[in-house]
Amino acid sequence: MQTTPTSDPTRCPLCGGDNRCAMELERATGQTQPPCWCVDTAFPPDLMARLPQEAEGKACICAACVARFAAPPLS
């Protein structure tokens, strides 16, 4: 996982990809969105520790990074 520091709320601060944040989409468009995928997702402390300080509280980690972090290492 590469680190791409960003505070763009639509981009994952770890990979720079689209984080699919429903809350940010609603804020940007004014259109009601279903609950964001992240609401029911557990973010391990070790993953959260990888966030660049300037992105904390400003941009969500994407589902792909959460899944990569949770995947068992290849042997």
N, C-alpha and C. Protein backbone atom coordinates (compact mmCIF):
# COMPACT_ATOMS: atom_id res chain seq x y z
N MET A 1 0.84 -1.17 0.00
CA MET A 1 0.00 0.00 0.00
C MET A 1 0.89 1.23 0.00
N GLN A 2 0.75 2.09 -0.98
CA GLN A 2 1.55 3.30 -1.00
C GLN A 2 0.84 4.39 -0.21
N THR A 3 1.59 5.34 0.26
CA THR A 3 1.00 6.45 0.98
C THR A 3 0.97 7.67 0.08
N THR A 4 -0.24 8.18 -0.14
CA THR A 4 -0.43 9.37 -0.95
C THR A 4 -1.15 10.39 -0.09
N PRO A 5 -0.42 11.22 0.65
CA PRO A 5 -1.07 12.17 1.54
C PRO A 5 -2.03 13.08 0.78
N THR A 6 -3.22 13.20 1.31
CA THR A 6 -4.22 14.08 0.71
C THR A 6 -5.26 14.43 1.75
N SER A 7 -5.88 15.56 1.59
CA SER A 7 -7.01 15.89 2.45
C SER A 7 -8.25 16.08 1.59
N ASP A 8 -8.22 15.59 0.34
CA ASP A 8 -9.39 15.61 -0.54
C ASP A 8 -10.38 14.61 0.02
N PRO A 9 -11.57 15.04 0.46
CA PRO A 9 -12.51 14.13 1.09
C PRO A 9 -13.07 13.05 0.17
N THR A 10 -12.85 13.17 -1.14
CA THR A 10 -13.35 12.16 -2.08
C THR A 10 -12.29 11.11 -2.42
N ARG A 11 -11.07 11.29 -1.91
CA ARG A 11 -9.95 10.40 -2.23
C ARG A 11 -9.41 9.72 -0.98
N CYS A 12 -9.04 8.46 -1.14
CA CYS A 12 -8.44 7.70 -0.06
C CYS A 12 -7.06 8.28 0.24
N PRO A 13 -6.77 8.59 1.50
CA PRO A 13 -5.47 9.16 1.83
C PRO A 13 -4.32 8.16 1.76
N LEU A 14 -4.63 6.87 1.57
CA LEU A 14 -3.56 5.87 1.48
C LEU A 14 -3.19 5.56 0.03
N CYS A 15 -4.20 5.41 -0.85
CA CYS A 15 -3.89 5.03 -2.23
C CYS A 15 -4.23 6.12 -3.25
N GLY A 16 -5.00 7.12 -2.84
CA GLY A 16 -5.38 8.20 -3.75
C GLY A 16 -6.61 7.87 -4.59
N GLY A 17 -7.16 6.65 -4.41
CA GLY A 17 -8.34 6.25 -5.18
C GLY A 17 -9.62 6.84 -4.63
N ASP A 18 -10.70 6.70 -5.39
CA ASP A 18 -12.02 7.17 -4.99
C ASP A 18 -12.45 6.39 -3.75
N ASN A 19 -12.83 7.08 -2.69
CA ASN A 19 -13.20 6.37 -1.47
C ASN A 19 -14.70 6.08 -1.38
N ARG A 20 -15.47 6.52 -2.37
CA ARG A 20 -16.91 6.24 -2.41
C ARG A 20 -17.62 6.69 -1.14
N CYS A 21 -17.26 7.83 -0.62
CA CYS A 21 -17.84 8.34 0.61
C CYS A 21 -19.23 8.91 0.33
N ALA A 22 -20.28 8.21 0.78
CA ALA A 22 -21.65 8.66 0.56
C ALA A 22 -21.93 9.97 1.29
N MET A 23 -21.32 10.14 2.44
CA MET A 23 -21.54 11.38 3.20
C MET A 23 -20.97 12.58 2.45
N GLU A 24 -19.81 12.41 1.83
CA GLU A 24 -19.21 13.50 1.07
C GLU A 24 -20.01 13.75 -0.20
N LEU A 25 -20.50 12.70 -0.86
CA LEU A 25 -21.31 12.84 -2.05
C LEU A 25 -22.59 13.62 -1.73
N GLU A 26 -23.21 13.31 -0.61
CA GLU A 26 -24.42 14.04 -0.20
C GLU A 26 -24.10 15.50 0.07
N ARG A 27 -22.98 15.75 0.72
CA ARG A 27 -22.56 17.13 1.02
C ARG A 27 -22.31 17.90 -0.27
N ALA A 28 -21.70 17.26 -1.25
CA ALA A 28 -21.35 17.93 -2.51
C ALA A 28 -22.55 18.15 -3.42
N THR A 29 -23.49 17.19 -3.42
CA THR A 29 -24.62 17.26 -4.36
C THR A 29 -25.92 17.73 -3.73
N GLY A 30 -26.04 17.60 -2.41
CA GLY A 30 -27.28 17.93 -1.75
C GLY A 30 -28.33 16.83 -1.88
N GLN A 31 -27.97 15.73 -2.53
CA GLN A 31 -28.90 14.61 -2.71
C GLN A 31 -28.70 13.58 -1.60
N THR A 32 -29.81 13.19 -0.99
CA THR A 32 -29.76 12.20 0.07
C THR A 32 -29.15 10.90 -0.44
N GLN A 33 -28.26 10.32 0.34
CA GLN A 33 -27.57 9.08 -0.01
C GLN A 33 -27.91 8.01 1.03
N PRO A 34 -27.82 6.75 0.63
CA PRO A 34 -27.96 5.69 1.63
C PRO A 34 -26.76 5.76 2.58
N PRO A 35 -26.84 5.06 3.71
CA PRO A 35 -25.68 5.08 4.63
C PRO A 35 -24.40 4.66 3.91
N CYS A 36 -23.32 5.31 4.25
CA CYS A 36 -22.02 5.02 3.65
C CYS A 36 -21.57 3.62 4.03
N TRP A 37 -20.84 2.98 3.11
CA TRP A 37 -20.32 1.62 3.34
C TRP A 37 -19.49 1.54 4.61
N CYS A 38 -18.87 2.66 4.97
CA CYS A 38 -17.93 2.64 6.10
C CYS A 38 -18.62 2.60 7.46
N VAL A 39 -19.91 2.92 7.49
CA VAL A 39 -20.63 2.97 8.76
C VAL A 39 -20.59 1.62 9.48
N ASP A 40 -20.66 0.54 8.72
CA ASP A 40 -20.66 -0.79 9.31
C ASP A 40 -19.33 -1.52 9.15
N THR A 41 -18.27 -0.76 8.91
CA THR A 41 -16.95 -1.35 8.68
C THR A 41 -16.04 -1.09 9.87
N ALA A 42 -15.30 -2.10 10.26
CA ALA A 42 -14.31 -1.95 11.33
C ALA A 42 -12.98 -1.53 10.71
N PHE A 43 -12.42 -0.47 11.22
CA PHE A 43 -11.13 0.02 10.76
C PHE A 43 -10.10 -0.30 11.84
N PRO A 44 -9.24 -1.30 11.59
CA PRO A 44 -8.25 -1.69 12.61
C PRO A 44 -7.33 -0.52 12.98
N PRO A 45 -6.97 -0.43 14.25
CA PRO A 45 -6.07 0.64 14.69
C PRO A 45 -4.77 0.70 13.89
N ASP A 46 -4.23 -0.47 13.51
CA ASP A 46 -2.98 -0.49 12.74
C ASP A 46 -3.16 0.17 11.37
N LEU A 47 -4.33 0.01 10.78
CA LEU A 47 -4.62 0.66 9.50
C LEU A 47 -4.78 2.16 9.71
N MET A 48 -5.51 2.54 10.73
CA MET A 48 -5.72 3.96 11.01
C MET A 48 -4.39 4.67 11.30
N ALA A 49 -3.44 3.95 11.86
CA ALA A 49 -2.12 4.52 12.17
C ALA A 49 -1.35 4.89 10.91
N ARG A 50 -1.75 4.32 9.77
CA ARG A 50 -1.07 4.62 8.50
C ARG A 50 -1.53 5.92 7.87
N LEU A 51 -2.62 6.49 8.38
CA LEU A 51 -3.13 7.73 7.81
C LEU A 51 -2.13 8.87 7.98
N PRO A 52 -1.91 9.63 6.92
CA PRO A 52 -1.07 10.82 7.07
C PRO A 52 -1.79 11.79 8.02
N GLN A 53 -1.06 12.43 8.88
CA GLN A 53 -1.65 13.32 9.88
C GLN A 53 -2.55 14.38 9.25
N GLU A 54 -2.16 14.91 8.08
CA GLU A 54 -2.96 15.97 7.45
C GLU A 54 -4.29 15.48 6.89
N ALA A 55 -4.47 14.17 6.81
CA ALA A 55 -5.73 13.61 6.29
C ALA A 55 -6.67 13.15 7.40
N GLU A 56 -6.19 13.09 8.64
CA GLU A 56 -7.02 12.61 9.74
C GLU A 56 -8.25 13.50 9.90
N GLY A 57 -9.42 12.84 9.88
CA GLY A 57 -10.69 13.55 10.03
C GLY A 57 -11.13 14.31 8.80
N LYS A 58 -10.40 14.16 7.69
CA LYS A 58 -10.73 14.90 6.47
C LYS A 58 -11.02 14.01 5.28
N ALA A 59 -10.49 12.79 5.27
CA ALA A 59 -10.69 11.89 4.13
C ALA A 59 -10.77 10.45 4.63
N CYS A 60 -11.68 9.69 4.02
CA CYS A 60 -11.91 8.30 4.43
C CYS A 60 -11.02 7.34 3.66
N ILE A 61 -10.60 6.29 4.34
CA ILE A 61 -9.88 5.19 3.69
C ILE A 61 -10.88 4.46 2.80
N CYS A 62 -10.46 4.03 1.62
CA CYS A 62 -11.36 3.33 0.70
C CYS A 62 -11.53 1.86 1.08
N ALA A 63 -12.59 1.25 0.56
CA ALA A 63 -12.88 -0.16 0.84
C ALA A 63 -11.76 -1.06 0.34
N ALA A 64 -11.14 -0.70 -0.77
CA ALA A 64 -10.06 -1.53 -1.32
C ALA A 64 -8.87 -1.58 -0.36
N CYS A 65 -8.52 -0.47 0.23
CA CYS A 65 -7.40 -0.45 1.19
C CYS A 65 -7.75 -1.23 2.45
N VAL A 66 -9.00 -1.12 2.91
CA VAL A 66 -9.43 -1.88 4.08
C VAL A 66 -9.32 -3.37 3.78
N ALA A 67 -9.78 -3.79 2.59
CA ALA A 67 -9.73 -5.20 2.21
C ALA A 67 -8.29 -5.68 2.06
N ARG A 68 -7.42 -4.87 1.45
CA ARG A 68 -6.01 -5.27 1.30
C ARG A 68 -5.35 -5.43 2.65
N PHE A 69 -5.66 -4.55 3.56
CA PHE A 69 -5.06 -4.61 4.89
C PHE A 69 -5.53 -5.85 5.64
N ALA A 70 -6.81 -6.22 5.46
CA ALA A 70 -7.38 -7.37 6.16
C ALA A 70 -6.99 -8.70 5.53
N ALA A 71 -6.56 -8.67 4.26
CA ALA A 71 -6.21 -9.92 3.55
C ALA A 71 -4.96 -10.54 4.17
N PRO A 72 -4.95 -11.88 4.26
CA PRO A 72 -3.74 -12.52 4.79
C PRO A 72 -2.57 -12.30 3.83
N PRO A 73 -1.37 -12.15 4.37
CA PRO A 73 -0.19 -11.93 3.53
C PRO A 73 0.06 -13.14 2.62
N LEU A 74 0.51 -12.86 1.41
CA LEU A 74 0.88 -13.94 0.48
C LEU A 74 2.17 -14.57 0.95
N SER A 75 2.25 -15.89 0.90
CA SER A 75 3.48 -16.53 1.36
C SER A 75 4.38 -16.85 0.21
